Amino acid sequence: HHDHTGGQKDLLRISPDTKVYKNTPDEGQLDIADGQRFQVEGASLRAVFSPGHTQDHMSLVLEEEDAMFTGDNVLGHGTAVFEYLAVYLDSLGRMQREFSGRAYPGHGPVVEDGPGKVREYVRHRKQREDQVLQVLRSSKKAPGQEKEGEAEEWTSMEIVKVVYKDVPESLHLPANGGVMQILYKLKEEERVEEIDVRGTWKINRRAAL
């Protein structure tokens, strides 16, 4: 993303022989392979393919410290934006296994317990998923109380207003993107159904049998 490559043109103007590596490279750039190593005096980096924030996201293990440059998958503050939740969670699991030291994020302060921060991200995503499922199981008349019989249908924004009820309404629209990602993941797992014609979602009662 542009917020990480702003100095590239200036660098190449000063040092035109510098090689630029990128997963899915553009013209004039070189590819990065999963597991590829980059070495200079005093530092060795190993590439870890970790799609999530973007489809071509790469993390880099600093082998001398057993630390990881986590890019935008894991930040020093807040939570990350991701394109596809199931893939993102798989990448977080892999990242956690690849190092044991600090995390150097693309934004925010250095995290001393890098794997711990990754686990925190996974727990947060699981918590949100559980909250969405709880809403889908409940009655619209009394959100949070499980409904007997036929499941109610909810729009994603109705779910947002329950799950994020303590968050300012101005943030509900961006939160809706995360809820939609959860719903798509649950649909793939056949735990929820999407009613296309109405733009609504409901729990798949058959999946619980």
N, C-alpha and C. Protein backbone atom coordinates (compact mmCIF):
# COMPACT_ATOMS: atom_id res chain seq x y z
N HIS A 1 0.82 -1.19 0.00
CA HIS A 1 0.00 0.00 0.00
C HIS A 1 0.87 1.26 0.00
N HIS A 2 0.28 2.34 -0.49
CA HIS A 2 1.06 3.58 -0.70
C HIS A 2 1.65 4.12 0.59
N ASP A 3 1.01 3.83 1.74
CA ASP A 3 1.52 4.39 2.99
C ASP A 3 2.82 3.74 3.44
N HIS A 4 3.25 2.69 2.73
CA HIS A 4 4.52 2.04 3.06
C HIS A 4 5.57 2.18 1.95
N THR A 5 5.20 2.77 0.86
CA THR A 5 6.12 2.83 -0.29
C THR A 5 6.39 4.26 -0.76
N GLY A 6 6.05 5.23 0.07
CA GLY A 6 6.16 6.62 -0.35
C GLY A 6 7.57 7.06 -0.71
N GLY A 7 8.59 6.45 -0.11
CA GLY A 7 9.97 6.87 -0.38
C GLY A 7 10.65 6.10 -1.49
N GLN A 8 9.92 5.19 -2.13
CA GLN A 8 10.55 4.32 -3.12
C GLN A 8 11.13 5.10 -4.30
N LYS A 9 10.38 6.06 -4.83
CA LYS A 9 10.87 6.82 -5.99
C LYS A 9 12.13 7.61 -5.64
N ASP A 10 12.13 8.23 -4.46
CA ASP A 10 13.30 8.99 -4.03
C ASP A 10 14.51 8.07 -3.85
N LEU A 11 14.27 6.89 -3.27
CA LEU A 11 15.35 5.93 -3.07
C LEU A 11 15.96 5.51 -4.40
N LEU A 12 15.10 5.21 -5.37
CA LEU A 12 15.60 4.76 -6.68
C LEU A 12 16.29 5.89 -7.44
N ARG A 13 15.89 7.11 -7.18
CA ARG A 13 16.57 8.23 -7.81
C ARG A 13 17.99 8.38 -7.26
N ILE A 14 18.14 8.18 -5.95
CA ILE A 14 19.45 8.27 -5.32
C ILE A 14 20.29 7.04 -5.60
N SER A 15 19.61 5.87 -5.63
CA SER A 15 20.32 4.60 -5.80
C SER A 15 19.61 3.77 -6.86
N PRO A 16 19.81 4.08 -8.13
CA PRO A 16 19.05 3.44 -9.22
C PRO A 16 19.29 1.94 -9.35
N ASP A 17 20.37 1.42 -8.77
CA ASP A 17 20.64 -0.01 -8.86
C ASP A 17 19.95 -0.82 -7.76
N THR A 18 19.28 -0.14 -6.85
CA THR A 18 18.58 -0.83 -5.76
C THR A 18 17.48 -1.73 -6.33
N LYS A 19 17.42 -2.96 -5.84
CA LYS A 19 16.40 -3.90 -6.29
C LYS A 19 15.16 -3.80 -5.40
N VAL A 20 14.01 -3.80 -6.02
CA VAL A 20 12.74 -3.74 -5.30
C VAL A 20 12.05 -5.09 -5.41
N TYR A 21 11.76 -5.70 -4.26
CA TYR A 21 11.10 -7.00 -4.23
C TYR A 21 9.66 -6.84 -3.76
N LYS A 22 8.76 -7.61 -4.38
CA LYS A 22 7.35 -7.52 -4.02
C LYS A 22 6.65 -8.81 -4.42
N ASN A 23 5.80 -9.29 -3.55
CA ASN A 23 4.95 -10.41 -3.94
C ASN A 23 3.98 -9.91 -5.01
N THR A 24 3.78 -10.69 -6.07
CA THR A 24 3.08 -10.23 -7.27
C THR A 24 3.68 -8.91 -7.75
N PRO A 25 4.92 -8.94 -8.22
CA PRO A 25 5.66 -7.70 -8.54
C PRO A 25 5.07 -6.95 -9.73
N ASP A 26 5.28 -5.65 -9.69
CA ASP A 26 4.96 -4.80 -10.84
C ASP A 26 6.18 -4.78 -11.77
N GLU A 27 6.03 -4.11 -12.89
CA GLU A 27 7.12 -4.04 -13.87
C GLU A 27 8.38 -3.45 -13.22
N GLY A 28 9.51 -4.10 -13.46
CA GLY A 28 10.77 -3.64 -12.92
C GLY A 28 11.06 -4.10 -11.51
N GLN A 29 10.12 -4.84 -10.92
CA GLN A 29 10.31 -5.36 -9.57
C GLN A 29 10.59 -6.86 -9.61
N LEU A 30 11.11 -7.39 -8.51
CA LEU A 30 11.43 -8.81 -8.40
C LEU A 30 10.46 -9.49 -7.44
N ASP A 31 10.18 -10.75 -7.69
CA ASP A 31 9.22 -11.50 -6.88
C ASP A 31 9.84 -11.90 -5.53
N ILE A 32 8.98 -12.08 -4.54
CA ILE A 32 9.39 -12.65 -3.25
C ILE A 32 8.72 -14.01 -3.13
N ALA A 33 9.50 -15.04 -2.88
CA ALA A 33 8.96 -16.38 -2.67
C ALA A 33 8.84 -16.66 -1.18
N ASP A 34 7.83 -17.41 -0.81
CA ASP A 34 7.68 -17.82 0.59
C ASP A 34 8.94 -18.56 1.04
N GLY A 35 9.51 -18.15 2.16
CA GLY A 35 10.73 -18.77 2.66
C GLY A 35 12.02 -18.17 2.12
N GLN A 36 11.91 -17.24 1.17
CA GLN A 36 13.11 -16.62 0.60
C GLN A 36 13.87 -15.84 1.66
N ARG A 37 15.21 -15.89 1.58
CA ARG A 37 16.04 -15.19 2.56
C ARG A 37 16.75 -14.00 1.91
N PHE A 38 16.85 -12.93 2.68
CA PHE A 38 17.58 -11.73 2.28
C PHE A 38 18.64 -11.48 3.34
N GLN A 39 19.89 -11.33 2.92
CA GLN A 39 20.98 -11.18 3.88
C GLN A 39 21.84 -9.97 3.56
N VAL A 40 22.13 -9.21 4.59
CA VAL A 40 23.15 -8.16 4.55
C VAL A 40 23.98 -8.36 5.81
N GLU A 41 25.06 -7.64 5.91
CA GLU A 41 25.91 -7.80 7.08
C GLU A 41 25.13 -7.50 8.37
N GLY A 42 25.05 -8.50 9.23
CA GLY A 42 24.40 -8.32 10.53
C GLY A 42 22.91 -8.56 10.56
N ALA A 43 22.30 -8.89 9.43
CA ALA A 43 20.85 -9.09 9.42
C ALA A 43 20.45 -10.11 8.36
N SER A 44 19.57 -11.02 8.75
CA SER A 44 19.02 -12.03 7.83
C SER A 44 17.50 -12.00 7.96
N LEU A 45 16.83 -11.83 6.84
CA LEU A 45 15.37 -11.80 6.82
C LEU A 45 14.84 -13.00 6.06
N ARG A 46 13.77 -13.59 6.58
CA ARG A 46 13.11 -14.72 5.91
C ARG A 46 11.66 -14.34 5.64
N ALA A 47 11.24 -14.49 4.39
CA ALA A 47 9.88 -14.10 3.99
C ALA A 47 8.87 -15.16 4.41
N VAL A 48 7.75 -14.69 4.94
CA VAL A 48 6.64 -15.57 5.32
C VAL A 48 5.38 -15.07 4.62
N PHE A 49 4.87 -15.85 3.68
CA PHE A 49 3.66 -15.47 2.96
C PHE A 49 2.49 -15.50 3.94
N SER A 50 1.84 -14.35 4.10
CA SER A 50 0.80 -14.23 5.13
C SER A 50 -0.35 -13.36 4.64
N PRO A 51 -1.08 -13.83 3.61
CA PRO A 51 -2.19 -13.04 3.09
C PRO A 51 -3.24 -12.77 4.16
N GLY A 52 -3.85 -11.61 4.07
CA GLY A 52 -4.85 -11.24 5.06
C GLY A 52 -5.22 -9.78 4.89
N HIS A 53 -4.33 -8.90 5.32
CA HIS A 53 -4.55 -7.47 5.10
C HIS A 53 -4.66 -7.20 3.61
N THR A 54 -3.81 -7.85 2.84
CA THR A 54 -3.90 -7.88 1.38
C THR A 54 -3.64 -9.30 0.91
N GLN A 55 -3.99 -9.60 -0.33
CA GLN A 55 -3.80 -10.96 -0.84
C GLN A 55 -2.34 -11.31 -1.01
N ASP A 56 -1.47 -10.28 -1.17
CA ASP A 56 -0.06 -10.55 -1.41
C ASP A 56 0.81 -10.21 -0.20
N HIS A 57 0.21 -10.13 0.97
CA HIS A 57 0.93 -9.69 2.17
C HIS A 57 2.06 -10.64 2.54
N MET A 58 3.21 -10.06 2.83
CA MET A 58 4.38 -10.82 3.30
C MET A 58 4.82 -10.28 4.66
N SER A 59 5.12 -11.19 5.58
CA SER A 59 5.80 -10.83 6.82
C SER A 59 7.25 -11.26 6.69
N LEU A 60 8.11 -10.69 7.52
CA LEU A 60 9.54 -10.99 7.44
C LEU A 60 10.08 -11.30 8.83
N VAL A 61 10.70 -12.47 8.97
CA VAL A 61 11.33 -12.86 10.23
C VAL A 61 12.76 -12.34 10.25
N LEU A 62 13.10 -11.58 11.29
CA LEU A 62 14.47 -11.14 11.52
C LEU A 62 15.14 -12.23 12.34
N GLU A 63 15.94 -13.06 11.67
CA GLU A 63 16.41 -14.29 12.29
C GLU A 63 17.34 -14.06 13.47
N GLU A 64 18.12 -12.98 13.46
CA GLU A 64 19.03 -12.71 14.57
C GLU A 64 18.29 -12.47 15.88
N GLU A 65 17.08 -11.98 15.81
CA GLU A 65 16.29 -11.71 17.02
C GLU A 65 15.13 -12.67 17.19
N ASP A 66 14.90 -13.54 16.21
CA ASP A 66 13.68 -14.35 16.17
C ASP A 66 12.46 -13.44 16.33
N ALA A 67 12.52 -12.30 15.66
CA ALA A 67 11.45 -11.31 15.67
C ALA A 67 10.78 -11.29 14.30
N MET A 68 9.65 -10.59 14.20
CA MET A 68 8.94 -10.55 12.93
C MET A 68 8.48 -9.13 12.61
N PHE A 69 8.71 -8.73 11.36
CA PHE A 69 8.07 -7.54 10.81
C PHE A 69 6.69 -7.98 10.32
N THR A 70 5.66 -7.58 11.06
CA THR A 70 4.32 -8.13 10.82
C THR A 70 3.51 -7.34 9.80
N GLY A 71 4.09 -6.28 9.24
CA GLY A 71 3.38 -5.51 8.23
C GLY A 71 2.08 -4.94 8.79
N ASP A 72 1.00 -5.07 8.04
CA ASP A 72 -0.30 -4.57 8.48
C ASP A 72 -1.22 -5.69 8.95
N ASN A 73 -0.72 -6.92 9.06
CA ASN A 73 -1.54 -8.00 9.61
C ASN A 73 -1.71 -7.88 11.11
N VAL A 74 -0.66 -7.45 11.79
CA VAL A 74 -0.68 -7.27 13.24
C VAL A 74 -0.07 -5.91 13.54
N LEU A 75 -0.81 -5.06 14.23
CA LEU A 75 -0.38 -3.69 14.47
C LEU A 75 0.03 -3.49 15.93
N GLY A 76 0.66 -2.36 16.18
CA GLY A 76 1.07 -2.04 17.54
C GLY A 76 -0.06 -1.47 18.37
N HIS A 77 -1.17 -1.13 17.74
CA HIS A 77 -2.34 -0.63 18.45
C HIS A 77 -3.58 -0.95 17.63
N GLY A 78 -4.70 -1.18 18.29
CA GLY A 78 -5.94 -1.45 17.59
C GLY A 78 -5.93 -2.79 16.87
N THR A 79 -6.82 -2.94 15.92
CA THR A 79 -6.92 -4.17 15.13
C THR A 79 -6.68 -3.86 13.66
N ALA A 80 -6.47 -4.90 12.88
CA ALA A 80 -6.11 -4.74 11.47
C ALA A 80 -7.33 -4.87 10.57
N VAL A 81 -7.25 -4.26 9.41
CA VAL A 81 -8.24 -4.45 8.35
C VAL A 81 -7.78 -5.63 7.49
N PHE A 82 -8.71 -6.47 7.10
CA PHE A 82 -8.35 -7.66 6.32
C PHE A 82 -9.33 -7.83 5.17
N GLU A 83 -8.90 -8.59 4.16
CA GLU A 83 -9.72 -8.77 2.96
C GLU A 83 -10.58 -10.02 3.03
N TYR A 84 -10.08 -11.07 3.71
CA TYR A 84 -10.77 -12.35 3.69
C TYR A 84 -10.47 -13.04 5.02
N LEU A 85 -11.48 -13.15 5.89
CA LEU A 85 -11.27 -13.54 7.28
C LEU A 85 -10.65 -14.92 7.43
N ALA A 86 -11.17 -15.92 6.72
CA ALA A 86 -10.66 -17.28 6.89
C ALA A 86 -9.18 -17.36 6.54
N VAL A 87 -8.79 -16.71 5.45
CA VAL A 87 -7.38 -16.69 5.04
C VAL A 87 -6.55 -15.93 6.07
N TYR A 88 -7.08 -14.82 6.55
CA TYR A 88 -6.38 -14.00 7.55
C TYR A 88 -6.11 -14.81 8.81
N LEU A 89 -7.09 -15.55 9.29
CA LEU A 89 -6.91 -16.36 10.50
C LEU A 89 -5.86 -17.45 10.28
N ASP A 90 -5.87 -18.06 9.10
CA ASP A 90 -4.83 -19.05 8.79
C ASP A 90 -3.45 -18.41 8.84
N SER A 91 -3.33 -17.21 8.29
CA SER A 91 -2.04 -16.52 8.29
C SER A 91 -1.59 -16.15 9.70
N LEU A 92 -2.53 -15.71 10.54
CA LEU A 92 -2.17 -15.40 11.92
C LEU A 92 -1.64 -16.64 12.63
N GLY A 93 -2.27 -17.78 12.37
CA GLY A 93 -1.78 -19.02 12.97
C GLY A 93 -0.38 -19.35 12.52
N ARG A 94 -0.11 -19.16 11.25
CA ARG A 94 1.23 -19.45 10.76
C ARG A 94 2.24 -18.45 11.32
N MET A 95 1.90 -17.18 11.31
CA MET A 95 2.81 -16.16 11.83
C MET A 95 3.20 -16.46 13.27
N GLN A 96 2.24 -16.86 14.06
CA GLN A 96 2.49 -17.16 15.47
C GLN A 96 3.53 -18.26 15.64
N ARG A 97 3.53 -19.21 14.72
CA ARG A 97 4.46 -20.35 14.82
C ARG A 97 5.85 -20.02 14.30
N GLU A 98 6.01 -18.93 13.57
CA GLU A 98 7.26 -18.65 12.88
C GLU A 98 8.28 -17.86 13.70
N PHE A 99 7.87 -17.33 14.86
CA PHE A 99 8.83 -16.54 15.65
C PHE A 99 8.43 -16.57 17.11
N SER A 100 9.35 -16.12 17.97
CA SER A 100 9.06 -16.13 19.41
C SER A 100 9.40 -14.81 20.09
N GLY A 101 9.88 -13.83 19.33
CA GLY A 101 10.34 -12.58 19.94
C GLY A 101 9.41 -11.40 19.69
N ARG A 102 10.01 -10.27 19.42
CA ARG A 102 9.25 -9.04 19.22
C ARG A 102 8.49 -9.05 17.89
N ALA A 103 7.46 -8.22 17.85
CA ALA A 103 6.78 -7.92 16.59
C ALA A 103 7.05 -6.46 16.25
N TYR A 104 7.52 -6.24 15.02
CA TYR A 104 7.73 -4.89 14.51
C TYR A 104 6.61 -4.61 13.51
N PRO A 105 5.55 -3.92 13.95
CA PRO A 105 4.38 -3.75 13.08
C PRO A 105 4.56 -2.62 12.07
N GLY A 106 3.69 -2.63 11.07
CA GLY A 106 3.71 -1.57 10.07
C GLY A 106 3.22 -0.24 10.61
N HIS A 107 2.43 -0.29 11.68
CA HIS A 107 1.92 0.92 12.34
C HIS A 107 1.93 0.68 13.84
N GLY A 108 2.27 1.70 14.60
CA GLY A 108 2.23 1.59 16.05
C GLY A 108 3.55 1.14 16.65
N PRO A 109 3.60 1.06 17.99
CA PRO A 109 4.85 0.74 18.68
C PRO A 109 5.25 -0.72 18.54
N VAL A 110 6.53 -0.97 18.82
CA VAL A 110 7.05 -2.34 18.85
C VAL A 110 6.32 -3.13 19.94
N VAL A 111 6.03 -4.38 19.65
CA VAL A 111 5.35 -5.26 20.61
C VAL A 111 6.37 -6.26 21.15
N GLU A 112 6.62 -6.24 22.44
CA GLU A 112 7.66 -7.10 23.02
C GLU A 112 7.31 -8.58 22.90
N ASP A 113 6.06 -8.93 23.19
CA ASP A 113 5.62 -10.33 23.07
C ASP A 113 4.85 -10.47 21.77
N GLY A 114 5.57 -10.67 20.69
CA GLY A 114 4.94 -10.74 19.38
C GLY A 114 3.92 -11.84 19.24
N PRO A 115 4.29 -13.12 19.54
CA PRO A 115 3.31 -14.20 19.42
C PRO A 115 2.09 -13.98 20.31
N GLY A 116 2.31 -13.37 21.49
CA GLY A 116 1.18 -13.08 22.37
C GLY A 116 0.21 -12.12 21.74
N LYS A 117 0.73 -11.11 21.04
CA LYS A 117 -0.13 -10.16 20.33
C LYS A 117 -0.90 -10.85 19.21
N VAL A 118 -0.24 -11.78 18.51
CA VAL A 118 -0.94 -12.52 17.45
C VAL A 118 -2.08 -13.33 18.05
N ARG A 119 -1.81 -14.01 19.18
CA ARG A 119 -2.87 -14.79 19.84
C ARG A 119 -4.02 -13.88 20.28
N GLU A 120 -3.69 -12.69 20.72
CA GLU A 120 -4.72 -11.72 21.11
C GLU A 120 -5.60 -11.38 19.92
N TYR A 121 -5.00 -11.20 18.75
CA TYR A 121 -5.78 -10.92 17.54
C TYR A 121 -6.72 -12.08 17.21
N VAL A 122 -6.22 -13.31 17.32
CA VAL A 122 -7.05 -14.48 17.02
C VAL A 122 -8.23 -14.55 18.00
N ARG A 123 -7.95 -14.33 19.29
CA ARG A 123 -9.03 -14.36 20.30
C ARG A 123 -10.08 -13.29 20.01
N HIS A 124 -9.63 -12.12 19.61
CA HIS A 124 -10.56 -11.03 19.31
C HIS A 124 -11.48 -11.39 18.15
N ARG A 125 -10.91 -11.97 17.11
CA ARG A 125 -11.72 -12.34 15.95
C ARG A 125 -12.71 -13.44 16.33
N LYS A 126 -12.28 -14.41 17.16
CA LYS A 126 -13.18 -15.48 17.61
C LYS A 126 -14.30 -14.89 18.47
N GLN A 127 -13.97 -13.93 19.31
CA GLN A 127 -14.98 -13.28 20.14
C GLN A 127 -16.03 -12.60 19.28
N ARG A 128 -15.60 -11.88 18.26
CA ARG A 128 -16.55 -11.21 17.37
C ARG A 128 -17.43 -12.23 16.64
N GLU A 129 -16.82 -13.33 16.20
CA GLU A 129 -17.58 -14.37 15.51
C GLU A 129 -18.65 -14.94 16.45
N ASP A 130 -18.29 -15.21 17.70
CA ASP A 130 -19.25 -15.74 18.67
C ASP A 130 -20.38 -14.74 18.91
N GLN A 131 -20.06 -13.45 18.94
CA GLN A 131 -21.08 -12.42 19.14
C GLN A 131 -22.06 -12.38 17.98
N VAL A 132 -21.55 -12.50 16.76
CA VAL A 132 -22.43 -12.51 15.59
C VAL A 132 -23.35 -13.72 15.64
N LEU A 133 -22.82 -14.88 15.97
CA LEU A 133 -23.65 -16.08 16.07
C LEU A 133 -24.71 -15.93 17.15
N GLN A 134 -24.35 -15.33 18.26
CA GLN A 134 -25.30 -15.13 19.35
C GLN A 134 -26.46 -14.25 18.89
N VAL A 135 -26.16 -13.19 18.13
CA VAL A 135 -27.21 -12.32 17.62
C VAL A 135 -28.12 -13.10 16.67
N LEU A 136 -27.54 -13.87 15.77
CA LEU A 136 -28.33 -14.62 14.79
C LEU A 136 -29.23 -15.66 15.46
N ARG A 137 -28.83 -16.15 16.62
CA ARG A 137 -29.64 -17.14 17.33
C ARG A 137 -30.76 -16.48 18.15
N SER A 138 -30.69 -15.17 18.31
CA SER A 138 -31.59 -14.49 19.24
C SER A 138 -32.81 -13.91 18.55
N SER A 139 -33.73 -13.42 19.38
CA SER A 139 -34.94 -12.78 18.88
C SER A 139 -34.70 -11.29 18.69
N LYS A 140 -35.25 -10.73 17.62
CA LYS A 140 -35.11 -9.29 17.40
C LYS A 140 -35.82 -8.48 18.49
N LYS A 141 -36.84 -9.09 19.08
CA LYS A 141 -37.57 -8.38 20.13
C LYS A 141 -36.74 -8.27 21.41
N ALA A 142 -35.83 -9.23 21.59
CA ALA A 142 -34.97 -9.22 22.78
C ALA A 142 -33.60 -9.74 22.41
N PRO A 143 -32.80 -8.94 21.69
CA PRO A 143 -31.48 -9.39 21.25
C PRO A 143 -30.66 -9.93 22.42
N GLY A 144 -30.06 -11.09 22.21
CA GLY A 144 -29.28 -11.74 23.26
C GLY A 144 -30.01 -12.91 23.87
N GLN A 145 -31.36 -12.95 23.74
CA GLN A 145 -32.13 -14.08 24.24
C GLN A 145 -32.41 -15.03 23.08
N GLU A 146 -32.01 -16.28 23.25
CA GLU A 146 -32.13 -17.25 22.16
C GLU A 146 -33.59 -17.47 21.80
N LYS A 147 -33.84 -17.54 20.50
CA LYS A 147 -35.20 -17.71 20.00
C LYS A 147 -35.48 -19.17 19.70
N GLU A 148 -36.62 -19.64 20.15
CA GLU A 148 -37.04 -21.01 19.85
C GLU A 148 -37.65 -21.05 18.45
N GLY A 149 -37.56 -22.22 17.80
CA GLY A 149 -38.20 -22.40 16.51
C GLY A 149 -37.43 -21.78 15.37
N GLU A 150 -38.15 -21.25 14.39
CA GLU A 150 -37.54 -20.72 13.17
C GLU A 150 -36.62 -19.54 13.49
N ALA A 151 -35.43 -19.57 12.89
CA ALA A 151 -34.46 -18.50 13.14
C ALA A 151 -34.92 -17.19 12.50
N GLU A 152 -34.63 -16.10 13.16
CA GLU A 152 -34.94 -14.78 12.61
C GLU A 152 -33.90 -14.39 11.57
N GLU A 153 -34.31 -13.51 10.66
CA GLU A 153 -33.40 -12.99 9.65
C GLU A 153 -32.89 -11.61 10.10
N TRP A 154 -31.59 -11.40 9.88
CA TRP A 154 -30.96 -10.14 10.28
C TRP A 154 -30.17 -9.59 9.10
N THR A 155 -30.21 -8.28 8.92
CA THR A 155 -29.27 -7.65 7.99
C THR A 155 -27.94 -7.48 8.72
N SER A 156 -26.88 -7.32 7.96
CA SER A 156 -25.57 -7.15 8.60
C SER A 156 -25.53 -5.90 9.48
N MET A 157 -26.20 -4.83 9.05
CA MET A 157 -26.18 -3.60 9.84
C MET A 157 -26.98 -3.75 11.13
N GLU A 158 -28.04 -4.55 11.10
CA GLU A 158 -28.77 -4.83 12.34
C GLU A 158 -27.88 -5.58 13.32
N ILE A 159 -27.07 -6.49 12.81
CA ILE A 159 -26.12 -7.21 13.67
C ILE A 159 -25.10 -6.24 14.25
N VAL A 160 -24.60 -5.35 13.40
CA VAL A 160 -23.61 -4.35 13.85
C VAL A 160 -24.17 -3.55 15.02
N LYS A 161 -25.44 -3.14 14.93
CA LYS A 161 -26.02 -2.28 15.96
C LYS A 161 -26.15 -2.99 17.30
N VAL A 162 -26.15 -4.31 17.29
CA VAL A 162 -26.17 -5.07 18.54
C VAL A 162 -24.75 -5.33 19.03
N VAL A 163 -23.90 -5.86 18.15
CA VAL A 163 -22.54 -6.23 18.55
C VAL A 163 -21.73 -4.99 18.93
N TYR A 164 -21.94 -3.90 18.20
CA TYR A 164 -21.17 -2.67 18.43
C TYR A 164 -22.03 -1.59 19.06
N LYS A 165 -22.94 -1.98 19.93
CA LYS A 165 -23.87 -1.02 20.53
C LYS A 165 -23.16 0.04 21.38
N ASP A 166 -21.97 -0.29 21.89
CA ASP A 166 -21.23 0.67 22.73
C ASP A 166 -20.23 1.50 21.93
N VAL A 167 -20.24 1.33 20.61
CA VAL A 167 -19.32 2.06 19.72
C VAL A 167 -20.09 3.21 19.06
N PRO A 168 -19.49 4.39 18.90
CA PRO A 168 -20.20 5.49 18.25
C PRO A 168 -20.79 5.08 16.90
N GLU A 169 -21.99 5.55 16.62
CA GLU A 169 -22.69 5.16 15.39
C GLU A 169 -21.90 5.54 14.14
N SER A 170 -21.06 6.55 14.25
CA SER A 170 -20.24 6.96 13.10
C SER A 170 -19.27 5.86 12.67
N LEU A 171 -19.00 4.90 13.55
CA LEU A 171 -18.08 3.80 13.24
C LEU A 171 -18.80 2.53 12.82
N HIS A 172 -20.13 2.56 12.78
CA HIS A 172 -20.89 1.36 12.44
C HIS A 172 -20.67 0.93 10.99
N LEU A 173 -20.56 1.90 10.09
CA LEU A 173 -20.37 1.52 8.68
C LEU A 173 -19.07 0.76 8.47
N PRO A 174 -17.91 1.25 8.96
CA PRO A 174 -16.69 0.43 8.82
C PRO A 174 -16.79 -0.90 9.56
N ALA A 175 -17.48 -0.92 10.70
CA ALA A 175 -17.64 -2.18 11.44
C ALA A 175 -18.44 -3.18 10.63
N ASN A 176 -19.33 -2.68 9.78
CA ASN A 176 -20.15 -3.57 8.95
C ASN A 176 -19.29 -4.42 8.02
N GLY A 177 -18.16 -3.87 7.56
CA GLY A 177 -17.27 -4.66 6.71
C GLY A 177 -16.73 -5.88 7.43
N GLY A 178 -16.36 -5.71 8.70
CA GLY A 178 -15.87 -6.84 9.48
C GLY A 178 -16.94 -7.87 9.74
N VAL A 179 -18.17 -7.41 10.01
CA VAL A 179 -19.29 -8.33 10.23
C VAL A 179 -19.59 -9.11 8.96
N MET A 180 -19.53 -8.45 7.81
CA MET A 180 -19.76 -9.17 6.55
C MET A 180 -18.70 -10.25 6.33
N GLN A 181 -17.46 -9.96 6.69
CA GLN A 181 -16.40 -10.97 6.56
C GLN A 181 -16.71 -12.18 7.44
N ILE A 182 -17.19 -11.94 8.65
CA ILE A 182 -17.56 -13.04 9.54
C ILE A 182 -18.70 -13.85 8.93
N LEU A 183 -19.70 -13.16 8.39
CA LEU A 183 -20.85 -13.85 7.80
C LEU A 183 -20.44 -14.71 6.60
N TYR A 184 -19.55 -14.19 5.76
CA TYR A 184 -19.08 -14.98 4.61
C TYR A 184 -18.33 -16.23 5.08
N LYS A 185 -17.53 -16.09 6.11
CA LYS A 185 -16.80 -17.24 6.66
C LYS A 185 -17.79 -18.28 7.20
N LEU A 186 -18.78 -17.82 7.96
CA LEU A 186 -19.77 -18.73 8.53
C LEU A 186 -20.62 -19.38 7.44
N LYS A 187 -20.86 -18.65 6.36
CA LYS A 187 -21.61 -19.22 5.23
C LYS A 187 -20.80 -20.34 4.59
N GLU A 188 -19.50 -20.13 4.39
CA GLU A 188 -18.65 -21.18 3.83
C GLU A 188 -18.65 -22.42 4.70
N GLU A 189 -18.73 -22.22 6.00
CA GLU A 189 -18.75 -23.34 6.95
C GLU A 189 -20.15 -23.92 7.11
N GLU A 190 -21.13 -23.37 6.37
CA GLU A 190 -22.53 -23.81 6.38
C GLU A 190 -23.17 -23.65 7.76
N ARG A 191 -22.73 -22.63 8.49
CA ARG A 191 -23.30 -22.36 9.81
C ARG A 191 -24.37 -21.28 9.75
N VAL A 192 -24.36 -20.50 8.67
CA VAL A 192 -25.42 -19.50 8.46
C VAL A 192 -25.89 -19.58 7.02
N GLU A 193 -27.07 -19.00 6.77
CA GLU A 193 -27.63 -18.93 5.43
C GLU A 193 -27.80 -17.47 5.03
N GLU A 194 -27.53 -17.19 3.76
CA GLU A 194 -27.75 -15.85 3.22
C GLU A 194 -29.02 -15.86 2.39
N ILE A 195 -29.94 -14.96 2.70
CA ILE A 195 -31.18 -14.83 1.92
C ILE A 195 -30.94 -13.69 0.93
N ASP A 196 -30.49 -14.05 -0.26
CA ASP A 196 -30.01 -13.06 -1.24
C ASP A 196 -31.05 -12.00 -1.57
N VAL A 197 -32.29 -12.44 -1.80
CA VAL A 197 -33.31 -11.51 -2.29
C VAL A 197 -33.63 -10.42 -1.27
N ARG A 198 -33.38 -10.70 0.01
CA ARG A 198 -33.69 -9.72 1.05
C ARG A 198 -32.43 -9.11 1.67
N GLY A 199 -31.27 -9.64 1.31
CA GLY A 199 -30.04 -9.13 1.89
C GLY A 199 -29.95 -9.41 3.38
N THR A 200 -30.51 -10.55 3.79
CA THR A 200 -30.52 -10.89 5.21
C THR A 200 -29.79 -12.21 5.45
N TRP A 201 -29.55 -12.48 6.73
CA TRP A 201 -28.82 -13.68 7.15
C TRP A 201 -29.57 -14.34 8.31
N LYS A 202 -29.46 -15.67 8.37
CA LYS A 202 -30.03 -16.37 9.52
C LYS A 202 -29.17 -17.59 9.84
N ILE A 203 -29.33 -18.06 11.07
CA ILE A 203 -28.58 -19.22 11.51
C ILE A 203 -29.05 -20.45 10.74
N ASN A 204 -28.14 -21.34 10.41
CA ASN A 204 -28.50 -22.59 9.74
C ASN A 204 -28.77 -23.63 10.81
N ARG A 205 -30.04 -23.84 11.11
CA ARG A 205 -30.42 -24.77 12.17
C ARG A 205 -29.94 -26.19 11.86
N ARG A 206 -29.90 -26.55 10.57
CA ARG A 206 -29.48 -27.91 10.20
C ARG A 206 -28.03 -28.17 10.59
N ALA A 207 -27.20 -27.12 10.57
CA ALA A 207 -25.78 -27.29 10.89
C ALA A 207 -25.57 -27.67 12.34
N ALA A 208 -26.54 -27.34 13.18
CA ALA A 208 -26.40 -27.63 14.61
C ALA A 208 -26.89 -29.03 14.96
N LEU A 209 -27.51 -29.72 13.99
CA LEU A 209 -28.05 -31.06 14.26
C LEU A 209 -26.94 -32.11 14.27
